[in-house]
Amino acid sequence: LSIISGLNYTGTVLFVPAVTLEAVAKIPH
């Protein structure tokens, strides 16, 4: 259960700044 929760949380944590970097620096998310 902790691994599933962690994967879900980590996915969101990684995706949010990746989208931001793509917007300001054109680095693919």
mmCIF file of all heavy atoms, coordinates in Angstrom:
data_MODEL
# 
_entry.id   MODEL 
# 
loop_
_atom_site.group_PDB 
_atom_site.id 
_atom_site.type_symbol 
_atom_site.label_atom_id 
_atom_site.label_alt_id 
_atom_site.label_comp_id 
_atom_site.label_asym_id 
_atom_site.label_entity_id 
_atom_site.label_seq_id 
_atom_site.pdbx_PDB_ins_code 
_atom_site.Cartn_x 
_atom_site.Cartn_y 
_atom_site.Cartn_z 
_atom_site.occupancy 
_atom_site.B_iso_or_equiv 
_atom_site.pdbx_formal_charge 
_atom_site.auth_seq_id 
_atom_site.auth_comp_id 
_atom_site.auth_asym_id 
_atom_site.auth_atom_id 
_atom_site.pdbx_PDB_model_num 
ATOM 1   N N   . LEU A 1 1  ? 0.831  -1.203 0.000   1.00 0.00 ? 1  LEU A N   1 
ATOM 2   C CA  . LEU A 1 1  ? 0.000  0.000  0.000   1.00 0.00 ? 1  LEU A CA  1 
ATOM 3   C C   . LEU A 1 1  ? 0.866  1.254  0.000   1.00 0.00 ? 1  LEU A C   1 
ATOM 4   O O   . LEU A 1 1  ? 0.572  2.238  -0.695  1.00 0.00 ? 1  LEU A O   1 
ATOM 5   C CB  . LEU A 1 1  ? -0.926 0.014  1.215   1.00 0.00 ? 1  LEU A CB  1 
ATOM 6   C CG  . LEU A 1 1  ? -2.132 -0.926 1.200   1.00 0.00 ? 1  LEU A CG  1 
ATOM 7   C CD1 . LEU A 1 1  ? -2.943 -0.747 2.479   1.00 0.00 ? 1  LEU A CD1 1 
ATOM 8   C CD2 . LEU A 1 1  ? -3.009 -0.670 -0.013  1.00 0.00 ? 1  LEU A CD2 1 
ATOM 9   N N   . SER A 1 2  ? 1.944  1.232  0.780   1.00 0.00 ? 2  SER A N   1 
ATOM 10  C CA  . SER A 1 2  ? 2.843  2.385  0.843   1.00 0.00 ? 2  SER A CA  1 
ATOM 11  C C   . SER A 1 2  ? 3.540  2.615  -0.491  1.00 0.00 ? 2  SER A C   1 
ATOM 12  O O   . SER A 1 2  ? 3.714  3.766  -0.922  1.00 0.00 ? 2  SER A O   1 
ATOM 13  C CB  . SER A 1 2  ? 3.885  2.168  1.945   1.00 0.00 ? 2  SER A CB  1 
ATOM 14  O OG  . SER A 1 2  ? 4.796  3.242  1.997   1.00 0.00 ? 2  SER A OG  1 
ATOM 15  N N   . ILE A 1 3  ? 3.932  1.542  -1.162  1.00 0.00 ? 3  ILE A N   1 
ATOM 16  C CA  . ILE A 1 3  ? 4.594  1.667  -2.465  1.00 0.00 ? 3  ILE A CA  1 
ATOM 17  C C   . ILE A 1 3  ? 3.639  2.265  -3.490  1.00 0.00 ? 3  ILE A C   1 
ATOM 18  O O   . ILE A 1 3  ? 4.002  3.172  -4.257  1.00 0.00 ? 3  ILE A O   1 
ATOM 19  C CB  . ILE A 1 3  ? 5.103  0.291  -2.937  1.00 0.00 ? 3  ILE A CB  1 
ATOM 20  C CG1 . ILE A 1 3  ? 6.261  -0.172 -2.055  1.00 0.00 ? 3  ILE A CG1 1 
ATOM 21  C CG2 . ILE A 1 3  ? 5.540  0.354  -4.400  1.00 0.00 ? 3  ILE A CG2 1 
ATOM 22  C CD1 . ILE A 1 3  ? 6.713  -1.592 -2.338  1.00 0.00 ? 3  ILE A CD1 1 
ATOM 23  N N   . ILE A 1 4  ? 2.388  1.780  -3.496  1.00 0.00 ? 4  ILE A N   1 
ATOM 24  C CA  . ILE A 1 4  ? 1.392  2.314  -4.438  1.00 0.00 ? 4  ILE A CA  1 
ATOM 25  C C   . ILE A 1 4  ? 1.142  3.798  -4.169  1.00 0.00 ? 4  ILE A C   1 
ATOM 26  O O   . ILE A 1 4  ? 1.110  4.622  -5.092  1.00 0.00 ? 4  ILE A O   1 
ATOM 27  C CB  . ILE A 1 4  ? 0.075  1.522  -4.322  1.00 0.00 ? 4  ILE A CB  1 
ATOM 28  C CG1 . ILE A 1 4  ? 0.288  0.073  -4.785  1.00 0.00 ? 4  ILE A CG1 1 
ATOM 29  C CG2 . ILE A 1 4  ? -1.025 2.185  -5.149  1.00 0.00 ? 4  ILE A CG2 1 
ATOM 30  C CD1 . ILE A 1 4  ? -0.910 -0.824 -4.558  1.00 0.00 ? 4  ILE A CD1 1 
ATOM 31  N N   . SER A 1 5  ? 0.993  4.129  -2.899  1.00 0.00 ? 5  SER A N   1 
ATOM 32  C CA  . SER A 1 5  ? 0.781  5.530  -2.524  1.00 0.00 ? 5  SER A CA  1 
ATOM 33  C C   . SER A 1 5  ? 1.986  6.380  -2.915  1.00 0.00 ? 5  SER A C   1 
ATOM 34  O O   . SER A 1 5  ? 1.839  7.492  -3.444  1.00 0.00 ? 5  SER A O   1 
ATOM 35  C CB  . SER A 1 5  ? 0.530  5.639  -1.017  1.00 0.00 ? 5  SER A CB  1 
ATOM 36  O OG  . SER A 1 5  ? 0.460  6.983  -0.603  1.00 0.00 ? 5  SER A OG  1 
ATOM 37  N N   . GLY A 1 6  ? 3.191  5.861  -2.653  1.00 0.00 ? 6  GLY A N   1 
ATOM 38  C CA  . GLY A 1 6  ? 4.408  6.587  -2.975  1.00 0.00 ? 6  GLY A CA  1 
ATOM 39  C C   . GLY A 1 6  ? 4.577  6.817  -4.466  1.00 0.00 ? 6  GLY A C   1 
ATOM 40  O O   . GLY A 1 6  ? 4.995  7.896  -4.898  1.00 0.00 ? 6  GLY A O   1 
ATOM 41  N N   . LEU A 1 7  ? 4.244  5.806  -5.268  1.00 0.00 ? 7  LEU A N   1 
ATOM 42  C CA  . LEU A 1 7  ? 4.338  5.956  -6.721  1.00 0.00 ? 7  LEU A CA  1 
ATOM 43  C C   . LEU A 1 7  ? 3.367  7.023  -7.229  1.00 0.00 ? 7  LEU A C   1 
ATOM 44  O O   . LEU A 1 7  ? 3.713  7.834  -8.096  1.00 0.00 ? 7  LEU A O   1 
ATOM 45  C CB  . LEU A 1 7  ? 4.055  4.615  -7.410  1.00 0.00 ? 7  LEU A CB  1 
ATOM 46  C CG  . LEU A 1 7  ? 5.146  3.545  -7.285  1.00 0.00 ? 7  LEU A CG  1 
ATOM 47  C CD1 . LEU A 1 7  ? 4.651  2.223  -7.865  1.00 0.00 ? 7  LEU A CD1 1 
ATOM 48  C CD2 . LEU A 1 7  ? 6.418  3.986  -7.991  1.00 0.00 ? 7  LEU A CD2 1 
ATOM 49  N N   . ASN A 1 8  ? 2.163  7.012  -6.684  1.00 0.00 ? 8  ASN A N   1 
ATOM 50  C CA  . ASN A 1 8  ? 1.171  8.008  -7.081  1.00 0.00 ? 8  ASN A CA  1 
ATOM 51  C C   . ASN A 1 8  ? 1.642  9.420  -6.717  1.00 0.00 ? 8  ASN A C   1 
ATOM 52  O O   . ASN A 1 8  ? 1.571  10.359 -7.518  1.00 0.00 ? 8  ASN A O   1 
ATOM 53  C CB  . ASN A 1 8  ? -0.167 7.711  -6.398  1.00 0.00 ? 8  ASN A CB  1 
ATOM 54  C CG  . ASN A 1 8  ? -1.233 8.728  -6.730  1.00 0.00 ? 8  ASN A CG  1 
ATOM 55  O OD1 . ASN A 1 8  ? -1.610 8.898  -7.888  1.00 0.00 ? 8  ASN A OD1 1 
ATOM 56  N ND2 . ASN A 1 8  ? -1.729 9.426  -5.718  1.00 0.00 ? 8  ASN A ND2 1 
ATOM 57  N N   . TYR A 1 9  ? 2.146  9.562  -5.485  1.00 0.00 ? 9  TYR A N   1 
ATOM 58  C CA  . TYR A 1 9  ? 2.619  10.864 -5.016  1.00 0.00 ? 9  TYR A CA  1 
ATOM 59  C C   . TYR A 1 9  ? 3.846  11.317 -5.801  1.00 0.00 ? 9  TYR A C   1 
ATOM 60  O O   . TYR A 1 9  ? 3.927  12.469 -6.247  1.00 0.00 ? 9  TYR A O   1 
ATOM 61  C CB  . TYR A 1 9  ? 2.946  10.780 -3.523  1.00 0.00 ? 9  TYR A CB  1 
ATOM 62  C CG  . TYR A 1 9  ? 3.565  12.028 -2.949  1.00 0.00 ? 9  TYR A CG  1 
ATOM 63  C CD1 . TYR A 1 9  ? 2.795  13.163 -2.693  1.00 0.00 ? 9  TYR A CD1 1 
ATOM 64  C CD2 . TYR A 1 9  ? 4.930  12.089 -2.665  1.00 0.00 ? 9  TYR A CD2 1 
ATOM 65  C CE1 . TYR A 1 9  ? 3.364  14.324 -2.173  1.00 0.00 ? 9  TYR A CE1 1 
ATOM 66  C CE2 . TYR A 1 9  ? 5.497  13.235 -2.143  1.00 0.00 ? 9  TYR A CE2 1 
ATOM 67  C CZ  . TYR A 1 9  ? 4.706  14.343 -1.891  1.00 0.00 ? 9  TYR A CZ  1 
ATOM 68  O OH  . TYR A 1 9  ? 5.276  15.478 -1.392  1.00 0.00 ? 9  TYR A OH  1 
ATOM 69  N N   . THR A 1 10 ? 4.796  10.413 -5.995  1.00 0.00 ? 10 THR A N   1 
ATOM 70  C CA  . THR A 1 10 ? 6.029  10.760 -6.695  1.00 0.00 ? 10 THR A CA  1 
ATOM 71  C C   . THR A 1 10 ? 5.750  11.160 -8.141  1.00 0.00 ? 10 THR A C   1 
ATOM 72  O O   . THR A 1 10 ? 6.378  12.090 -8.671  1.00 0.00 ? 10 THR A O   1 
ATOM 73  C CB  . THR A 1 10 ? 7.013  9.580  -6.659  1.00 0.00 ? 10 THR A CB  1 
ATOM 74  O OG1 . THR A 1 10 ? 7.269  9.216  -5.307  1.00 0.00 ? 10 THR A OG1 1 
ATOM 75  C CG2 . THR A 1 10 ? 8.319  9.945  -7.344  1.00 0.00 ? 10 THR A CG2 1 
ATOM 76  N N   . GLY A 1 11 ? 4.805  10.472 -8.767  1.00 0.00 ? 11 GLY A N   1 
ATOM 77  C CA  . GLY A 1 11 ? 4.445  10.820 -10.139 1.00 0.00 ? 11 GLY A CA  1 
ATOM 78  C C   . GLY A 1 11 ? 3.964  12.257 -10.249 1.00 0.00 ? 11 GLY A C   1 
ATOM 79  O O   . GLY A 1 11 ? 4.356  13.002 -11.155 1.00 0.00 ? 11 GLY A O   1 
ATOM 80  N N   . THR A 1 12 ? 3.122  12.658 -9.292  1.00 0.00 ? 12 THR A N   1 
ATOM 81  C CA  . THR A 1 12 ? 2.622  14.035 -9.284  1.00 0.00 ? 12 THR A CA  1 
ATOM 82  C C   . THR A 1 12 ? 3.739  15.019 -8.982  1.00 0.00 ? 12 THR A C   1 
ATOM 83  O O   . THR A 1 12 ? 3.852  16.083 -9.616  1.00 0.00 ? 12 THR A O   1 
ATOM 84  C CB  . THR A 1 12 ? 1.503  14.187 -8.231  1.00 0.00 ? 12 THR A CB  1 
ATOM 85  O OG1 . THR A 1 12 ? 0.514  13.182 -8.448  1.00 0.00 ? 12 THR A OG1 1 
ATOM 86  C CG2 . THR A 1 12 ? 0.861  15.554 -8.325  1.00 0.00 ? 12 THR A CG2 1 
ATOM 87  N N   . VAL A 1 13 ? 4.586  14.673 -8.006  1.00 0.00 ? 13 VAL A N   1 
ATOM 88  C CA  . VAL A 1 13 ? 5.695  15.549 -7.617  1.00 0.00 ? 13 VAL A CA  1 
ATOM 89  C C   . VAL A 1 13 ? 6.637  15.798 -8.794  1.00 0.00 ? 13 VAL A C   1 
ATOM 90  O O   . VAL A 1 13 ? 7.138  16.911 -8.980  1.00 0.00 ? 13 VAL A O   1 
ATOM 91  C CB  . VAL A 1 13 ? 6.466  14.933 -6.429  1.00 0.00 ? 13 VAL A CB  1 
ATOM 92  C CG1 . VAL A 1 13 ? 7.793  15.636 -6.220  1.00 0.00 ? 13 VAL A CG1 1 
ATOM 93  C CG2 . VAL A 1 13 ? 5.619  15.010 -5.160  1.00 0.00 ? 13 VAL A CG2 1 
ATOM 94  N N   . LEU A 1 14 ? 6.889  14.777 -9.588  1.00 0.00 ? 14 LEU A N   1 
ATOM 95  C CA  . LEU A 1 14 ? 7.786  14.922 -10.729 1.00 0.00 ? 14 LEU A CA  1 
ATOM 96  C C   . LEU A 1 14 ? 7.119  15.646 -11.898 1.00 0.00 ? 14 LEU A C   1 
ATOM 97  O O   . LEU A 1 14 ? 7.762  16.412 -12.622 1.00 0.00 ? 14 LEU A O   1 
ATOM 98  C CB  . LEU A 1 14 ? 8.271  13.547 -11.191 1.00 0.00 ? 14 LEU A CB  1 
ATOM 99  C CG  . LEU A 1 14 ? 9.232  12.806 -10.258 1.00 0.00 ? 14 LEU A CG  1 
ATOM 100 C CD1 . LEU A 1 14 ? 9.436  11.381 -10.743 1.00 0.00 ? 14 LEU A CD1 1 
ATOM 101 C CD2 . LEU A 1 14 ? 10.560 13.528 -10.172 1.00 0.00 ? 14 LEU A CD2 1 
ATOM 102 N N   . PHE A 1 15 ? 5.822  15.406 -12.079 1.00 0.00 ? 15 PHE A N   1 
ATOM 103 C CA  . PHE A 1 15 ? 5.130  15.948 -13.242 1.00 0.00 ? 15 PHE A CA  1 
ATOM 104 C C   . PHE A 1 15 ? 4.930  17.468 -13.151 1.00 0.00 ? 15 PHE A C   1 
ATOM 105 O O   . PHE A 1 15 ? 5.091  18.183 -14.136 1.00 0.00 ? 15 PHE A O   1 
ATOM 106 C CB  . PHE A 1 15 ? 3.773  15.258 -13.406 1.00 0.00 ? 15 PHE A CB  1 
ATOM 107 C CG  . PHE A 1 15 ? 3.021  15.703 -14.626 1.00 0.00 ? 15 PHE A CG  1 
ATOM 108 C CD1 . PHE A 1 15 ? 3.432  15.304 -15.893 1.00 0.00 ? 15 PHE A CD1 1 
ATOM 109 C CD2 . PHE A 1 15 ? 1.903  16.514 -14.513 1.00 0.00 ? 15 PHE A CD2 1 
ATOM 110 C CE1 . PHE A 1 15 ? 2.745  15.707 -17.026 1.00 0.00 ? 15 PHE A CE1 1 
ATOM 111 C CE2 . PHE A 1 15 ? 1.206  16.923 -15.639 1.00 0.00 ? 15 PHE A CE2 1 
ATOM 112 C CZ  . PHE A 1 15 ? 1.624  16.522 -16.899 1.00 0.00 ? 15 PHE A CZ  1 
ATOM 113 N N   . VAL A 1 16 ? 4.582  17.952 -11.951 1.00 0.00 ? 16 VAL A N   1 
ATOM 114 C CA  . VAL A 1 16 ? 4.270  19.382 -11.799 1.00 0.00 ? 16 VAL A CA  1 
ATOM 115 C C   . VAL A 1 16 ? 5.449  20.285 -12.181 1.00 0.00 ? 16 VAL A C   1 
ATOM 116 O O   . VAL A 1 16 ? 5.298  21.178 -13.019 1.00 0.00 ? 16 VAL A O   1 
ATOM 117 C CB  . VAL A 1 16 ? 3.784  19.674 -10.361 1.00 0.00 ? 16 VAL A CB  1 
ATOM 118 C CG1 . VAL A 1 16 ? 3.669  21.176 -10.132 1.00 0.00 ? 16 VAL A CG1 1 
ATOM 119 C CG2 . VAL A 1 16 ? 2.440  19.003 -10.101 1.00 0.00 ? 16 VAL A CG2 1 
ATOM 120 N N   . PRO A 1 17 ? 6.645  20.095 -11.587 1.00 0.00 ? 17 PRO A N   1 
ATOM 121 C CA  . PRO A 1 17 ? 7.767  20.962 -12.011 1.00 0.00 ? 17 PRO A CA  1 
ATOM 122 C C   . PRO A 1 17 ? 8.220  20.696 -13.441 1.00 0.00 ? 17 PRO A C   1 
ATOM 123 O O   . PRO A 1 17 ? 8.751  21.600 -14.093 1.00 0.00 ? 17 PRO A O   1 
ATOM 124 C CB  . PRO A 1 17 ? 8.872  20.630 -10.997 1.00 0.00 ? 17 PRO A CB  1 
ATOM 125 C CG  . PRO A 1 17 ? 8.530  19.275 -10.477 1.00 0.00 ? 17 PRO A CG  1 
ATOM 126 C CD  . PRO A 1 17 ? 7.041  19.186 -10.504 1.00 0.00 ? 17 PRO A CD  1 
ATOM 127 N N   . ALA A 1 18 ? 7.990  19.467 -13.924 1.00 0.00 ? 18 ALA A N   1 
ATOM 128 C CA  . ALA A 1 18 ? 8.380  19.163 -15.308 1.00 0.00 ? 18 ALA A CA  1 
ATOM 129 C C   . ALA A 1 18 ? 7.558  19.979 -16.293 1.00 0.00 ? 18 ALA A C   1 
ATOM 130 O O   . ALA A 1 18 ? 8.086  20.490 -17.293 1.00 0.00 ? 18 ALA A O   1 
ATOM 131 C CB  . ALA A 1 18 ? 8.205  17.666 -15.581 1.00 0.00 ? 18 ALA A CB  1 
ATOM 132 N N   . VAL A 1 19 ? 6.270  20.106 -16.019 1.00 0.00 ? 19 VAL A N   1 
ATOM 133 C CA  . VAL A 1 19 ? 5.412  20.926 -16.887 1.00 0.00 ? 19 VAL A CA  1 
ATOM 134 C C   . VAL A 1 19 ? 5.849  22.385 -16.833 1.00 0.00 ? 19 VAL A C   1 
ATOM 135 O O   . VAL A 1 19 ? 5.864  23.092 -17.851 1.00 0.00 ? 19 VAL A O   1 
ATOM 136 C CB  . VAL A 1 19 ? 3.941  20.788 -16.445 1.00 0.00 ? 19 VAL A CB  1 
ATOM 137 C CG1 . VAL A 1 19 ? 3.060  21.793 -17.181 1.00 0.00 ? 19 VAL A CG1 1 
ATOM 138 C CG2 . VAL A 1 19 ? 3.440  19.378 -16.708 1.00 0.00 ? 19 VAL A CG2 1 
ATOM 139 N N   . THR A 1 20 ? 6.227  22.852 -15.641 1.00 0.00 ? 20 THR A N   1 
ATOM 140 C CA  . THR A 1 20 ? 6.691  24.228 -15.482 1.00 0.00 ? 20 THR A CA  1 
ATOM 141 C C   . THR A 1 20 ? 7.973  24.467 -16.278 1.00 0.00 ? 20 THR A C   1 
ATOM 142 O O   . THR A 1 20 ? 8.116  25.488 -16.969 1.00 0.00 ? 20 THR A O   1 
ATOM 143 C CB  . THR A 1 20 ? 6.940  24.545 -13.996 1.00 0.00 ? 20 THR A CB  1 
ATOM 144 O OG1 . THR A 1 20 ? 5.760  24.252 -13.250 1.00 0.00 ? 20 THR A OG1 1 
ATOM 145 C CG2 . THR A 1 20 ? 7.311  25.998 -13.804 1.00 0.00 ? 20 THR A CG2 1 
ATOM 146 N N   . LEU A 1 21 ? 8.923  23.537 -16.180 1.00 0.00 ? 21 LEU A N   1 
ATOM 147 C CA  . LEU A 1 21 ? 10.179 23.684 -16.928 1.00 0.00 ? 21 LEU A CA  1 
ATOM 148 C C   . LEU A 1 21 ? 9.930  23.660 -18.430 1.00 0.00 ? 21 LEU A C   1 
ATOM 149 O O   . LEU A 1 21 ? 10.590 24.382 -19.190 1.00 0.00 ? 21 LEU A O   1 
ATOM 150 C CB  . LEU A 1 21 ? 11.147 22.562 -16.539 1.00 0.00 ? 21 LEU A CB  1 
ATOM 151 C CG  . LEU A 1 21 ? 12.033 22.802 -15.314 1.00 0.00 ? 21 LEU A CG  1 
ATOM 152 C CD1 . LEU A 1 21 ? 12.859 21.563 -15.013 1.00 0.00 ? 21 LEU A CD1 1 
ATOM 153 C CD2 . LEU A 1 21 ? 12.938 24.013 -15.523 1.00 0.00 ? 21 LEU A CD2 1 
ATOM 154 N N   . GLU A 1 22 ? 8.980  22.853 -18.849 1.00 0.00 ? 22 GLU A N   1 
ATOM 155 C CA  . GLU A 1 22 ? 8.662  22.804 -20.276 1.00 0.00 ? 22 GLU A CA  1 
ATOM 156 C C   . GLU A 1 22 ? 8.108  24.149 -20.750 1.00 0.00 ? 22 GLU A C   1 
ATOM 157 O O   . GLU A 1 22 ? 8.392  24.598 -21.860 1.00 0.00 ? 22 GLU A O   1 
ATOM 158 C CB  . GLU A 1 22 ? 7.649  21.697 -20.557 1.00 0.00 ? 22 GLU A CB  1 
ATOM 159 C CG  . GLU A 1 22 ? 7.381  21.479 -22.034 1.00 0.00 ? 22 GLU A CG  1 
ATOM 160 C CD  . GLU A 1 22 ? 6.526  20.252 -22.288 1.00 0.00 ? 22 GLU A CD  1 
ATOM 161 O OE1 . GLU A 1 22 ? 5.647  19.966 -21.451 1.00 0.00 ? 22 GLU A OE1 1 
ATOM 162 O OE2 . GLU A 1 22 ? 6.732  19.581 -23.316 1.00 0.00 ? 22 GLU A OE2 1 
ATOM 163 N N   . ALA A 1 23 ? 7.337  24.811 -19.885 1.00 0.00 ? 23 ALA A N   1 
ATOM 164 C CA  . ALA A 1 23 ? 6.732  26.092 -20.259 1.00 0.00 ? 23 ALA A CA  1 
ATOM 165 C C   . ALA A 1 23 ? 7.761  27.211 -20.341 1.00 0.00 ? 23 ALA A C   1 
ATOM 166 O O   . ALA A 1 23 ? 7.696  28.060 -21.232 1.00 0.00 ? 23 ALA A O   1 
ATOM 167 C CB  . ALA A 1 23 ? 5.636  26.455 -19.263 1.00 0.00 ? 23 ALA A CB  1 
ATOM 168 N N   . VAL A 1 24 ? 8.724  27.227 -19.406 1.00 0.00 ? 24 VAL A N   1 
ATOM 169 C CA  . VAL A 1 24 ? 9.659  28.355 -19.344 1.00 0.00 ? 24 VAL A CA  1 
ATOM 170 C C   . VAL A 1 24 ? 10.978 28.080 -20.048 1.00 0.00 ? 24 VAL A C   1 
ATOM 171 O O   . VAL A 1 24 ? 11.707 29.025 -20.397 1.00 0.00 ? 24 VAL A O   1 
ATOM 172 C CB  . VAL A 1 24 ? 9.942  28.761 -17.880 1.00 0.00 ? 24 VAL A CB  1 
ATOM 173 C CG1 . VAL A 1 24 ? 8.661  29.158 -17.174 1.00 0.00 ? 24 VAL A CG1 1 
ATOM 174 C CG2 . VAL A 1 24 ? 10.653 27.645 -17.115 1.00 0.00 ? 24 VAL A CG2 1 
ATOM 175 N N   . ALA A 1 25 ? 11.320 26.809 -20.259 1.00 0.00 ? 25 ALA A N   1 
ATOM 176 C CA  . ALA A 1 25 ? 12.626 26.492 -20.836 1.00 0.00 ? 25 ALA A CA  1 
ATOM 177 C C   . ALA A 1 25 ? 12.555 25.556 -22.040 1.00 0.00 ? 25 ALA A C   1 
ATOM 178 O O   . ALA A 1 25 ? 13.589 25.206 -22.606 1.00 0.00 ? 25 ALA A O   1 
ATOM 179 C CB  . ALA A 1 25 ? 13.530 25.864 -19.768 1.00 0.00 ? 25 ALA A CB  1 
ATOM 180 N N   . LYS A 1 26 ? 11.336 25.149 -22.404 1.00 0.00 ? 26 LYS A N   1 
ATOM 181 C CA  . LYS A 1 26 ? 11.141 24.243 -23.536 1.00 0.00 ? 26 LYS A CA  1 
ATOM 182 C C   . LYS A 1 26 ? 11.873 22.910 -23.369 1.00 0.00 ? 26 LYS A C   1 
ATOM 183 O O   . LYS A 1 26 ? 12.241 22.260 -24.357 1.00 0.00 ? 26 LYS A O   1 
ATOM 184 C CB  . LYS A 1 26 ? 11.576 24.921 -24.845 1.00 0.00 ? 26 LYS A CB  1 
ATOM 185 C CG  . LYS A 1 26 ? 10.750 26.142 -25.214 1.00 0.00 ? 26 LYS A CG  1 
ATOM 186 C CD  . LYS A 1 26 ? 9.281  25.815 -25.331 1.00 0.00 ? 26 LYS A CD  1 
ATOM 187 C CE  . LYS A 1 26 ? 8.468  27.053 -25.691 1.00 0.00 ? 26 LYS A CE  1 
ATOM 188 N NZ  . LYS A 1 26 ? 7.011  26.754 -25.751 1.00 0.00 ? 26 LYS A NZ  1 
ATOM 189 N N   . ILE A 1 27 ? 12.090 22.522 -22.108 1.00 0.00 ? 27 ILE A N   1 
ATOM 190 C CA  . ILE A 1 27 ? 12.656 21.202 -21.835 1.00 0.00 ? 27 ILE A CA  1 
ATOM 191 C C   . ILE A 1 27 ? 11.509 20.200 -21.811 1.00 0.00 ? 27 ILE A C   1 
ATOM 192 O O   . ILE A 1 27 ? 10.564 20.366 -21.031 1.00 0.00 ? 27 ILE A O   1 
ATOM 193 C CB  . ILE A 1 27 ? 13.391 21.180 -20.479 1.00 0.00 ? 27 ILE A CB  1 
ATOM 194 C CG1 . ILE A 1 27 ? 14.530 22.201 -20.466 1.00 0.00 ? 27 ILE A CG1 1 
ATOM 195 C CG2 . ILE A 1 27 ? 13.921 19.789 -20.171 1.00 0.00 ? 27 ILE A CG2 1 
ATOM 196 C CD1 . ILE A 1 27 ? 15.232 22.322 -19.125 1.00 0.00 ? 27 ILE A CD1 1 
ATOM 197 N N   . PRO A 1 28 ? 11.515 19.171 -22.642 1.00 0.00 ? 28 PRO A N   1 
ATOM 198 C CA  . PRO A 1 28 ? 10.408 18.207 -22.668 1.00 0.00 ? 28 PRO A CA  1 
ATOM 199 C C   . PRO A 1 28 ? 10.140 17.637 -21.275 1.00 0.00 ? 28 PRO A C   1 
ATOM 200 O O   . PRO A 1 28 ? 11.083 17.321 -20.543 1.00 0.00 ? 28 PRO A O   1 
ATOM 201 C CB  . PRO A 1 28 ? 10.912 17.116 -23.618 1.00 0.00 ? 28 PRO A CB  1 
ATOM 202 C CG  . PRO A 1 28 ? 11.919 17.802 -24.474 1.00 0.00 ? 28 PRO A CG  1 
ATOM 203 C CD  . PRO A 1 28 ? 12.578 18.835 -23.606 1.00 0.00 ? 28 PRO A CD  1 
ATOM 204 N N   . HIS A 1 29 ? 8.869  17.537 -20.911 1.00 0.00 ? 29 HIS A N   1 
ATOM 205 C CA  . HIS A 1 29 ? 8.556  17.115 -19.547 1.00 0.00 ? 29 HIS A CA  1 
ATOM 206 C C   . HIS A 1 29 ? 9.052  15.710 -19.250 1.00 0.00 ? 29 HIS A C   1 
ATOM 207 O O   . HIS A 1 29 ? 9.443  15.416 -18.123 1.00 0.00 ? 29 HIS A O   1 
ATOM 208 C CB  . HIS A 1 29 ? 7.045  17.235 -19.280 1.00 0.00 ? 29 HIS A CB  1 
ATOM 209 C CG  . HIS A 1 29 ? 6.207  16.311 -20.091 1.00 0.00 ? 29 HIS A CG  1 
ATOM 210 N ND1 . HIS A 1 29 ? 5.699  16.647 -21.326 1.00 0.00 ? 29 HIS A ND1 1 
ATOM 211 C CD2 . HIS A 1 29 ? 5.766  15.048 -19.828 1.00 0.00 ? 29 HIS A CD2 1 
ATOM 212 C CE1 . HIS A 1 29 ? 4.993  15.629 -21.798 1.00 0.00 ? 29 HIS A CE1 1 
ATOM 213 N NE2 . HIS A 1 29 ? 5.023  14.660 -20.925 1.00 0.00 ? 29 HIS A NE2 1 
# 
